[in-house]
Amino acid sequence: MCRSTNMGVLRVGNTRVMLDSVVAAFEQGHSPETIQQQFPDLSLEEVYGATTDYLAHYDEVQTYLQRQEALWKTLQAEAEARSSPVVKRLRALKASDVSGAS
């Protein structure tokens, strides 16, 4: 039910919905029907298939999710380091507003 992209991202069926999103909703206690409503590109069968794959391959999926989280943190840090002068200025203004409000 899941496929891997050339970037190593697991997607559900032939959609662009990431397995990460379905797993997060499932772990929050949402029913497959609710998850399908949240991601209308998925059929109910695809949601059940994704959650079944997740449960059947729990350790592998957890490893994948940890790898995705580490990648996200790396990309976020790189983006912050390359921030444009405008973004840096906005962040500084926001920080001064927060510290001035105390």
PDB file of N, CA and C in Angstrom:
ATOM      1  N   MET A   1       0.804  -1.201   0.000  1.00  0.00           N
ATOM      2  CA  MET A   1       0.000   0.000   0.000  1.00  0.00           C
ATOM      3  C   MET A   1       0.847   1.266   0.000  1.00  0.00           C
ATOM      4  N   CYS A   2       2.075   1.186   0.491  1.00  0.00           N
ATOM      5  CA  CYS A   2       2.937   2.368   0.534  1.00  0.00           C
ATOM      6  C   CYS A   2       4.028   2.221  -0.511  1.00  0.00           C
ATOM      7  N   ARG A   3       4.469   3.367  -1.027  1.00  0.00           N
ATOM      8  CA  ARG A   3       5.553   3.373  -1.991  1.00  0.00           C
ATOM      9  C   ARG A   3       6.596   4.376  -1.532  1.00  0.00           C
ATOM     10  N   SER A   4       7.818   4.136  -1.924  1.00  0.00           N
ATOM     11  CA  SER A   4       8.915   5.015  -1.545  1.00  0.00           C
ATOM     12  C   SER A   4       9.269   5.893  -2.743  1.00  0.00           C
ATOM     13  N   THR A   5       9.438   7.190  -2.494  1.00  0.00           N
ATOM     14  CA  THR A   5       9.848   8.106  -3.555  1.00  0.00           C
ATOM     15  C   THR A   5      11.362   8.023  -3.723  1.00  0.00           C
ATOM     16  N   ASN A   6      11.881   8.715  -4.730  1.00  0.00           N
ATOM     17  CA  ASN A   6      13.333   8.709  -4.937  1.00  0.00           C
ATOM     18  C   ASN A   6      14.069   9.421  -3.808  1.00  0.00           C
ATOM     19  N   MET A   7      13.340  10.185  -2.982  1.00  0.00           N
ATOM     20  CA  MET A   7      13.936  10.859  -1.824  1.00  0.00           C
ATOM     21  C   MET A   7      13.794  10.024  -0.550  1.00  0.00           C
ATOM     22  N   GLY A   8      13.201   8.825  -0.664  1.00  0.00           N
ATOM     23  CA  GLY A   8      13.052   7.948   0.487  1.00  0.00           C
ATOM     24  C   GLY A   8      11.824   8.227   1.332  1.00  0.00           C
ATOM     25  N   VAL A   9      10.911   9.047   0.820  1.00  0.00           N
ATOM     26  CA  VAL A   9       9.687   9.365   1.558  1.00  0.00           C
ATOM     27  C   VAL A   9       8.643   8.306   1.237  1.00  0.00           C
ATOM     28  N   LEU A  10       7.977   7.793   2.266  1.00  0.00           N
ATOM     29  CA  LEU A  10       6.931   6.803   2.057  1.00  0.00           C
ATOM     30  C   LEU A  10       5.597   7.512   1.836  1.00  0.00           C
ATOM     31  N   ARG A  11       4.962   7.198   0.719  1.00  0.00           N
ATOM     32  CA  ARG A  11       3.668   7.775   0.363  1.00  0.00           C
ATOM     33  C   ARG A  11       2.639   6.664   0.309  1.00  0.00           C
ATOM     34  N   VAL A  12       1.392   7.016   0.609  1.00  0.00           N
ATOM     35  CA  VAL A  12       0.305   6.036   0.642  1.00  0.00           C
ATOM     36  C   VAL A  12      -0.300   5.921  -0.753  1.00  0.00           C
ATOM     37  N   GLY A  13      -0.359   4.679  -1.256  1.00  0.00           N
ATOM     38  CA  GLY A  13      -0.949   4.430  -2.568  1.00  0.00           C
ATOM     39  C   GLY A  13      -0.262   5.257  -3.641  1.00  0.00           C
ATOM     40  N   ASN A  14      -1.064   5.758  -4.570  1.00  0.00           N
ATOM     41  CA  ASN A  14      -0.530   6.599  -5.646  1.00  0.00           C
ATOM     42  C   ASN A  14      -0.744   8.071  -5.357  1.00  0.00           C
ATOM     43  N   THR A  15      -0.904   8.422  -4.089  1.00  0.00           N
ATOM     44  CA  THR A  15      -1.143   9.805  -3.701  1.00  0.00           C
ATOM     45  C   THR A  15       0.153  10.441  -3.232  1.00  0.00           C
ATOM     46  N   ARG A  16       0.066  11.727  -2.909  1.00  0.00           N
ATOM     47  CA  ARG A  16       1.216  12.436  -2.336  1.00  0.00           C
ATOM     48  C   ARG A  16       1.119  12.467  -0.811  1.00  0.00           C
ATOM     49  N   VAL A  17       0.142  11.785  -0.239  1.00  0.00           N
ATOM     50  CA  VAL A  17      -0.027  11.759   1.214  1.00  0.00           C
ATOM     51  C   VAL A  17       1.083  10.903   1.819  1.00  0.00           C
ATOM     52  N   MET A  18       1.803  11.508   2.752  1.00  0.00           N
ATOM     53  CA  MET A  18       2.917  10.801   3.391  1.00  0.00           C
ATOM     54  C   MET A  18       2.409   9.834   4.455  1.00  0.00           C
ATOM     55  N   LEU A  19       3.072   8.696   4.560  1.00  0.00           N
ATOM     56  CA  LEU A  19       2.729   7.724   5.594  1.00  0.00           C
ATOM     57  C   LEU A  19       2.825   8.381   6.969  1.00  0.00           C
ATOM     58  N   ASP A  20       3.786   9.292   7.130  1.00  0.00           N
ATOM     59  CA  ASP A  20       3.978  10.002   8.401  1.00  0.00           C
ATOM     60  C   ASP A  20       2.662  10.621   8.885  1.00  0.00           C
ATOM     61  N   SER A  21       1.926  11.234   7.962  1.00  0.00           N
ATOM     62  CA  SER A  21       0.683  11.921   8.314  1.00  0.00           C
ATOM     63  C   SER A  21      -0.388  10.942   8.772  1.00  0.00           C
ATOM     64  N   VAL A  22      -0.496   9.830   8.073  1.00  0.00           N
ATOM     65  CA  VAL A  22      -1.490   8.816   8.433  1.00  0.00           C
ATOM     66  C   VAL A  22      -1.145   8.202   9.779  1.00  0.00           C
ATOM     67  N   VAL A  23       0.135   7.905   9.989  1.00  0.00           N
ATOM     68  CA  VAL A  23       0.572   7.320  11.264  1.00  0.00           C
ATOM     69  C   VAL A  23       0.326   8.296  12.410  1.00  0.00           C
ATOM     70  N   ALA A  24       0.631   9.568  12.210  1.00  0.00           N
ATOM     71  CA  ALA A  24       0.420  10.563  13.267  1.00  0.00           C
ATOM     72  C   ALA A  24      -1.053  10.628  13.652  1.00  0.00           C
ATOM     73  N   ALA A  25      -1.937  10.646  12.669  1.00  0.00           N
ATOM     74  CA  ALA A  25      -3.373  10.691  12.955  1.00  0.00           C
ATOM     75  C   ALA A  25      -3.817   9.414  13.670  1.00  0.00           C
ATOM     76  N   PHE A  26      -3.301   8.261  13.217  1.00  0.00           N
ATOM     77  CA  PHE A  26      -3.649   6.984  13.841  1.00  0.00           C
ATOM     78  C   PHE A  26      -3.173   6.942  15.291  1.00  0.00           C
ATOM     79  N   GLU A  27      -1.944   7.419  15.538  1.00  0.00           N
ATOM     80  CA  GLU A  27      -1.407   7.422  16.900  1.00  0.00           C
ATOM     81  C   GLU A  27      -2.149   8.394  17.812  1.00  0.00           C
ATOM     82  N   GLN A  28      -2.778   9.405  17.224  1.00  0.00           N
ATOM     83  CA  GLN A  28      -3.586  10.349  18.006  1.00  0.00           C
ATOM     84  C   GLN A  28      -4.963   9.779  18.314  1.00  0.00           C
ATOM     85  N   GLY A  29      -5.236   8.582  17.811  1.00  0.00           N
ATOM     86  CA  GLY A  29      -6.494   7.915  18.122  1.00  0.00           C
ATOM     87  C   GLY A  29      -7.605   8.124  17.115  1.00  0.00           C
ATOM     88  N   HIS A  30      -7.287   8.728  15.979  1.00  0.00           N
ATOM     89  CA  HIS A  30      -8.313   8.936  14.961  1.00  0.00           C
ATOM     90  C   HIS A  30      -8.678   7.614  14.295  1.00  0.00           C
ATOM     91  N   SER A  31      -9.939   7.469  13.965  1.00  0.00           N
ATOM     92  CA  SER A  31     -10.400   6.267  13.280  1.00  0.00           C
ATOM     93  C   SER A  31      -9.989   6.343  11.808  1.00  0.00           C
ATOM     94  N   PRO A  32      -9.939   5.198  11.138  1.00  0.00           N
ATOM     95  CA  PRO A  32      -9.641   5.227   9.703  1.00  0.00           C
ATOM     96  C   PRO A  32     -10.612   6.119   8.920  1.00  0.00           C
ATOM     97  N   GLU A  33     -11.866   6.130   9.325  1.00  0.00           N
ATOM     98  CA  GLU A  33     -12.854   6.970   8.647  1.00  0.00           C
ATOM     99  C   GLU A  33     -12.515   8.456   8.803  1.00  0.00           C
ATOM    100  N   THR A  34     -12.105   8.849  10.001  1.00  0.00           N
ATOM    101  CA  THR A  34     -11.715  10.241  10.241  1.00  0.00           C
ATOM    102  C   THR A  34     -10.457  10.588   9.471  1.00  0.00           C
ATOM    103  N   ILE A  35      -9.491   9.670   9.438  1.00  0.00           N
ATOM    104  CA  ILE A  35      -8.251   9.903   8.694  1.00  0.00           C
ATOM    105  C   ILE A  35      -8.577  10.077   7.213  1.00  0.00           C
ATOM    106  N   GLN A  36      -9.482   9.272   6.696  1.00  0.00           N
ATOM    107  CA  GLN A  36      -9.863   9.392   5.287  1.00  0.00           C
ATOM    108  C   GLN A  36     -10.516  10.741   5.019  1.00  0.00           C
ATOM    109  N   GLN A  37     -11.278  11.241   5.970  1.00  0.00           N
ATOM    110  CA  GLN A  37     -11.885  12.569   5.811  1.00  0.00           C
ATOM    111  C   GLN A  37     -10.816  13.662   5.830  1.00  0.00           C
ATOM    112  N   GLN A  38      -9.781  13.474   6.634  1.00  0.00           N
ATOM    113  CA  GLN A  38      -8.694  14.452   6.704  1.00  0.00           C
ATOM    114  C   GLN A  38      -7.852  14.457   5.421  1.00  0.00           C
ATOM    115  N   PHE A  39      -7.785  13.325   4.760  1.00  0.00           N
ATOM    116  CA  PHE A  39      -6.991  13.169   3.539  1.00  0.00           C
ATOM    117  C   PHE A  39      -7.894  12.594   2.444  1.00  0.00           C
ATOM    118  N   PRO A  40      -8.722  13.434   1.846  1.00  0.00           N
ATOM    119  CA  PRO A  40      -9.718  12.945   0.881  1.00  0.00           C
ATOM    120  C   PRO A  40      -9.119  12.288  -0.364  1.00  0.00           C
ATOM    121  N   ASP A  41      -7.821  12.483  -0.632  1.00  0.00           N
ATOM    122  CA  ASP A  41      -7.192  11.799  -1.762  1.00  0.00           C
ATOM    123  C   ASP A  41      -7.066  10.302  -1.508  1.00  0.00           C
ATOM    124  N   LEU A  42      -7.150   9.902  -0.229  1.00  0.00           N
ATOM    125  CA  LEU A  42      -7.033   8.492   0.130  1.00  0.00           C
ATOM    126  C   LEU A  42      -8.403   7.836   0.179  1.00  0.00           C
ATOM    127  N   SER A  43      -8.460   6.602  -0.292  1.00  0.00           N
ATOM    128  CA  SER A  43      -9.679   5.813  -0.117  1.00  0.00           C
ATOM    129  C   SER A  43      -9.629   5.199   1.284  1.00  0.00           C
ATOM    130  N   LEU A  44     -10.757   4.766   1.767  1.00  0.00           N
ATOM    131  CA  LEU A  44     -10.793   4.115   3.080  1.00  0.00           C
ATOM    132  C   LEU A  44      -9.927   2.858   3.063  1.00  0.00           C
ATOM    133  N   GLU A  45      -9.937   2.160   1.954  1.00  0.00           N
ATOM    134  CA  GLU A  45      -9.098   0.969   1.807  1.00  0.00           C
ATOM    135  C   GLU A  45      -7.620   1.317   1.946  1.00  0.00           C
ATOM    136  N   GLU A  46      -7.187   2.448   1.372  1.00  0.00           N
ATOM    137  CA  GLU A  46      -5.787   2.860   1.467  1.00  0.00           C
ATOM    138  C   GLU A  46      -5.420   3.222   2.904  1.00  0.00           C
ATOM    139  N   VAL A  47      -6.339   3.841   3.627  1.00  0.00           N
ATOM    140  CA  VAL A  47      -6.077   4.184   5.032  1.00  0.00           C
ATOM    141  C   VAL A  47      -5.917   2.914   5.850  1.00  0.00           C
ATOM    142  N   TYR A  48      -6.852   1.973   5.678  1.00  0.00           N
ATOM    143  CA  TYR A  48      -6.737   0.703   6.397  1.00  0.00           C
ATOM    144  C   TYR A  48      -5.447  -0.020   6.015  1.00  0.00           C
ATOM    145  N   GLY A  49      -5.092   0.009   4.726  1.00  0.00           N
ATOM    146  CA  GLY A  49      -3.859  -0.638   4.275  1.00  0.00           C
ATOM    147  C   GLY A  49      -2.627  -0.004   4.893  1.00  0.00           C
ATOM    148  N   ALA A  50      -2.607   1.316   4.950  1.00  0.00           N
ATOM    149  CA  ALA A  50      -1.461   2.026   5.526  1.00  0.00           C
ATOM    150  C   ALA A  50      -1.325   1.723   7.011  1.00  0.00           C
ATOM    151  N   THR A  51      -2.443   1.721   7.737  1.00  0.00           N
ATOM    152  CA  THR A  51      -2.366   1.440   9.172  1.00  0.00           C
ATOM    153  C   THR A  51      -2.003  -0.026   9.418  1.00  0.00           C
ATOM    154  N   THR A  52      -2.463  -0.908   8.551  1.00  0.00           N
ATOM    155  CA  THR A  52      -2.091  -2.323   8.667  1.00  0.00           C
ATOM    156  C   THR A  52      -0.599  -2.501   8.415  1.00  0.00           C
ATOM    157  N   ASP A  53      -0.088  -1.847   7.362  1.00  0.00           N
ATOM    158  CA  ASP A  53       1.356  -1.901   7.086  1.00  0.00           C
ATOM    159  C   ASP A  53       2.148  -1.354   8.267  1.00  0.00           C
ATOM    160  N   TYR A  54       1.671  -0.256   8.818  1.00  0.00           N
ATOM    161  CA  TYR A  54       2.338   0.365   9.970  1.00  0.00           C
ATOM    162  C   TYR A  54       2.423  -0.617  11.133  1.00  0.00           C
ATOM    163  N   LEU A  55       1.313  -1.244  11.455  1.00  0.00           N
ATOM    164  CA  LEU A  55       1.294  -2.173  12.589  1.00  0.00           C
ATOM    165  C   LEU A  55       2.104  -3.442  12.297  1.00  0.00           C
ATOM    166  N   ALA A  56       2.060  -3.911  11.061  1.00  0.00           N
ATOM    167  CA  ALA A  56       2.782  -5.135  10.695  1.00  0.00           C
ATOM    168  C   ALA A  56       4.295  -4.917  10.647  1.00  0.00           C
ATOM    169  N   HIS A  57       4.708  -3.676  10.377  1.00  0.00           N
ATOM    170  CA  HIS A  57       6.131  -3.358  10.251  1.00  0.00           C
ATOM    171  C   HIS A  57       6.497  -2.221  11.208  1.00  0.00           C
ATOM    172  N   TYR A  58       6.004  -2.328  12.421  1.00  0.00           N
ATOM    173  CA  TYR A  58       6.121  -1.249  13.404  1.00  0.00           C
ATOM    174  C   TYR A  58       7.555  -0.761  13.579  1.00  0.00           C
ATOM    175  N   ASP A  59       8.492  -1.667  13.824  1.00  0.00           N
ATOM    176  CA  ASP A  59       9.884  -1.259  14.078  1.00  0.00           C
ATOM    177  C   ASP A  59      10.492  -0.558  12.871  1.00  0.00           C
ATOM    178  N   GLU A  60      10.235  -1.079  11.677  1.00  0.00           N
ATOM    179  CA  GLU A  60      10.768  -0.458  10.459  1.00  0.00           C
ATOM    180  C   GLU A  60      10.191   0.943  10.271  1.00  0.00           C
ATOM    181  N   VAL A  61       8.889   1.092  10.512  1.00  0.00           N
ATOM    182  CA  VAL A  61       8.253   2.398  10.338  1.00  0.00           C
ATOM    183  C   VAL A  61       8.778   3.377  11.385  1.00  0.00           C
ATOM    184  N   GLN A  62       8.991   2.929  12.606  1.00  0.00           N
ATOM    185  CA  GLN A  62       9.531   3.808  13.642  1.00  0.00           C
ATOM    186  C   GLN A  62      10.936   4.284  13.259  1.00  0.00           C
ATOM    187  N   THR A  63      11.743   3.401  12.697  1.00  0.00           N
ATOM    188  CA  THR A  63      13.077   3.777  12.230  1.00  0.00           C
ATOM    189  C   THR A  63      12.962   4.821  11.123  1.00  0.00           C
ATOM    190  N   TYR A  64      12.038   4.594  10.190  1.00  0.00           N
ATOM    191  CA  TYR A  64      11.801   5.553   9.108  1.00  0.00           C
ATOM    192  C   TYR A  64      11.369   6.906   9.675  1.00  0.00           C
ATOM    193  N   LEU A  65      10.441   6.905  10.629  1.00  0.00           N
ATOM    194  CA  LEU A  65       9.951   8.159  11.211  1.00  0.00           C
ATOM    195  C   LEU A  65      11.063   8.909  11.946  1.00  0.00           C
ATOM    196  N   GLN A  66      11.921   8.179  12.649  1.00  0.00           N
ATOM    197  CA  GLN A  66      13.054   8.813  13.330  1.00  0.00           C
ATOM    198  C   GLN A  66      14.024   9.421  12.324  1.00  0.00           C
ATOM    199  N   ARG A  67      14.249   8.721  11.213  1.00  0.00           N
ATOM    200  CA  ARG A  67      15.123   9.235  10.159  1.00  0.00           C
ATOM    201  C   ARG A  67      14.518  10.507   9.544  1.00  0.00           C
ATOM    202  N   GLN A  68      13.211  10.500   9.324  1.00  0.00           N
ATOM    203  CA  GLN A  68      12.535  11.666   8.762  1.00  0.00           C
ATOM    204  C   GLN A  68      12.619  12.861   9.717  1.00  0.00           C
ATOM    205  N   GLU A  69      12.462  12.601  11.010  1.00  0.00           N
ATOM    206  CA  GLU A  69      12.535  13.671  12.017  1.00  0.00           C
ATOM    207  C   GLU A  69      13.943  14.276  12.049  1.00  0.00           C
ATOM    208  N   ALA A  70      14.960  13.424  11.991  1.00  0.00           N
ATOM    209  CA  ALA A  70      16.344  13.915  11.982  1.00  0.00           C
ATOM    210  C   ALA A  70      16.616  14.725  10.715  1.00  0.00           C
ATOM    211  N   LEU A  71      16.114  14.264   9.592  1.00  0.00           N
ATOM    212  CA  LEU A  71      16.289  14.993   8.335  1.00  0.00           C
ATOM    213  C   LEU A  71      15.609  16.355   8.410  1.00  0.00           C
ATOM    214  N   TRP A  72      14.389  16.383   8.956  1.00  0.00           N
ATOM    215  CA  TRP A  72      13.652  17.645   9.093  1.00  0.00           C
ATOM    216  C   TRP A  72      14.440  18.635   9.950  1.00  0.00           C
ATOM    217  N   LYS A  73      14.986  18.173  11.066  1.00  0.00           N
ATOM    218  CA  LYS A  73      15.751  19.066  11.946  1.00  0.00           C
ATOM    219  C   LYS A  73      16.991  19.599  11.242  1.00  0.00           C
ATOM    220  N   THR A  74      17.658  18.748  10.464  1.00  0.00           N
ATOM    221  CA  THR A  74      18.834  19.176   9.710  1.00  0.00           C
ATOM    222  C   THR A  74      18.464  20.229   8.671  1.00  0.00           C
ATOM    223  N   LEU A  75      17.401  19.969   7.919  1.00  0.00           N
ATOM    224  CA  LEU A  75      16.969  20.914   6.890  1.00  0.00           C
ATOM    225  C   LEU A  75      16.506  22.235   7.503  1.00  0.00           C
ATOM    226  N   GLN A  76      15.838  22.152   8.643  1.00  0.00           N
ATOM    227  CA  GLN A  76      15.385  23.359   9.331  1.00  0.00           C
ATOM    228  C   GLN A  76      16.577  24.201   9.784  1.00  0.00           C
ATOM    229  N   ALA A  77      17.591  23.552  10.355  1.00  0.00           N
ATOM    230  CA  ALA A  77      18.787  24.269  10.804  1.00  0.00           C
ATOM    231  C   ALA A  77      19.519  24.905   9.619  1.00  0.00           C
ATOM    232  N   GLU A  78      19.602  24.188   8.513  1.00  0.00           N
ATOM    233  CA  GLU A  78      20.247  24.741   7.318  1.00  0.00           C
ATOM    234  C   GLU A  78      19.481  25.952   6.797  1.00  0.00           C
ATOM    235  N   ALA A  79      18.161  25.860   6.789  1.00  0.00           N
ATOM    236  CA  ALA A  79      17.341  26.971   6.303  1.00  0.00           C
ATOM    237  C   ALA A  79      17.499  28.193   7.203  1.00  0.00           C
ATOM    238  N   GLU A  80      17.555  27.976   8.501  1.00  0.00           N
ATOM    239  CA  GLU A  80      17.728  29.087   9.433  1.00  0.00           C
ATOM    240  C   GLU A  80      19.103  29.731   9.260  1.00  0.00           C
ATOM    241  N   ALA A  81      20.100  28.923   8.969  1.00  0.00           N
ATOM    242  CA  ALA A  81      21.453  29.450   8.783  1.00  0.00           C
ATOM    243  C   ALA A  81      21.561  30.265   7.497  1.00  0.00           C
ATOM    244  N   ARG A  82      20.738  29.939   6.511  1.00  0.00           N
ATOM    245  CA  ARG A  82      20.771  30.637   5.234  1.00  0.00           C
ATOM    246  C   ARG A  82      19.697  31.713   5.128  1.00  0.00           C
ATOM    247  N   SER A  83      19.085  32.068   6.202  1.00  0.00           N
ATOM    248  CA  SER A  83      17.990  33.034   6.170  1.00  0.00           C
ATOM    249  C   SER A  83      18.406  34.324   5.486  1.00  0.00           C
ATOM    250  N   SER A  84      17.463  34.873   4.763  1.00  0.00           N
ATOM    251  CA  SER A  84      17.723  36.150   4.103  1.00  0.00           C
ATOM    252  C   SER A  84      17.799  37.249   5.163  1.00  0.00           C
ATOM    253  N   PRO A  85      18.386  38.380   4.849  1.00  0.00           N
ATOM    254  CA  PRO A  85      18.460  39.493   5.803  1.00  0.00           C
ATOM    255  C   PRO A  85      17.075  39.936   6.288  1.00  0.00           C
ATOM    256  N   VAL A  86      16.089  39.852   5.419  1.00  0.00           N
ATOM    257  CA  VAL A  86      14.724  40.242   5.809  1.00  0.00           C
ATOM    258  C   VAL A  86      14.187  39.308   6.889  1.00  0.00           C
ATOM    259  N   VAL A  87      14.384  38.013   6.686  1.00  0.00           N
ATOM    260  CA  VAL A  87      13.906  37.035   7.669  1.00  0.00           C
ATOM    261  C   VAL A  87      14.641  37.218   8.986  1.00  0.00           C
ATOM    262  N   LYS A  88      15.946  37.437   8.934  1.00  0.00           N
ATOM    263  CA  LYS A  88      16.715  37.658  10.165  1.00  0.00           C
ATOM    264  C   LYS A  88      16.206  38.892  10.905  1.00  0.00           C
ATOM    265  N   ARG A  89      15.913  39.925  10.166  1.00  0.00           N
ATOM    266  CA  ARG A  89      15.414  41.160  10.786  1.00  0.00           C
ATOM    267  C   ARG A  89      14.039  40.943  11.425  1.00  0.00           C
ATOM    268  N   LEU A  90      13.163  40.216  10.730  1.00  0.00           N
ATOM    269  CA  LEU A  90      11.837  39.924  11.282  1.00  0.00           C
ATOM    270  C   LEU A  90      11.941  39.094  12.556  1.00  0.00           C
ATOM    271  N   ARG A  91      12.847  38.104  12.552  1.00  0.00           N
ATOM    272  CA  ARG A  91      13.044  37.289  13.758  1.00  0.00           C
ATOM    273  C   ARG A  91      13.560  38.140  14.909  1.00  0.00           C
ATOM    274  N   ALA A  92      14.476  39.064  14.629  1.00  0.00           N
ATOM    275  CA  ALA A  92      15.016  39.941  15.667  1.00  0.00           C
ATOM    276  C   ALA A  92      13.913  40.843  16.216  1.00  0.00           C
ATOM    277  N   LEU A  93      13.074  41.369  15.332  1.00  0.00           N
ATOM    278  CA  LEU A  93      11.964  42.210  15.780  1.00  0.00           C
ATOM    279  C   LEU A  93      10.988  41.417  16.651  1.00  0.00           C
ATOM    280  N   LYS A  94      10.710  40.198  16.233  1.00  0.00           N
ATOM    281  CA  LYS A  94       9.804  39.348  17.015  1.00  0.00           C
ATOM    282  C   LYS A  94      10.398  39.067  18.388  1.00  0.00           C
ATOM    283  N   ALA A  95      11.679  38.745  18.422  1.00  0.00           N
ATOM    284  CA  ALA A  95      12.349  38.464  19.701  1.00  0.00           C
ATOM    285  C   ALA A  95      12.336  39.681  20.603  1.00  0.00           C
ATOM    286  N   SER A  96      12.529  40.868  20.035  1.00  0.00           N
ATOM    287  CA  SER A  96      12.518  42.084  20.871  1.00  0.00           C
ATOM    288  C   SER A  96      11.112  42.385  21.366  1.00  0.00           C
ATOM    289  N   ASP A  97      10.083  42.068  20.575  1.00  0.00           N
ATOM    290  CA  ASP A  97       8.700  42.244  21.021  1.00  0.00           C
ATOM    291  C   ASP A  97       8.379  41.313  22.171  1.00  0.00           C
ATOM    292  N   VAL A  98       8.845  40.085  22.084  1.00  0.00           N
ATOM    293  CA  VAL A  98       8.576  39.091  23.118  1.00  0.00           C
ATOM    294  C   VAL A  98       9.291  39.501  24.408  1.00  0.00           C
ATOM    295  N   SER A  99      10.556  39.904  24.296  1.00  0.00           N
ATOM    296  CA  SER A  99      11.304  40.261  25.512  1.00  0.00           C
ATOM    297  C   SER A  99      10.797  41.592  26.079  1.00  0.00           C
ATOM    298  N   GLY A 100      10.302  42.473  25.239  1.00  0.00           N
ATOM    299  CA  GLY A 100       9.766  43.753  25.725  1.00  0.00           C
ATOM    300  C   GLY A 100       8.415  43.623  26.372  1.00  0.00           C
ATOM    301  N   ALA A 101       7.679  42.529  26.042  1.00  0.00           N
ATOM    302  CA  ALA A 101       6.353  42.335  26.619  1.00  0.00           C
ATOM    303  C   ALA A 101       6.421  41.776  28.040  1.00  0.00           C
ATOM    304  N   SER A 102       7.569  41.280  28.458  1.00  0.00           N
ATOM    305  CA  SER A 102       7.704  40.648  29.775  1.00  0.00           C
ATOM    306  C   SER A 102       7.701  41.633  30.896  1.00  0.00           C
TER     307      SER A 102
END
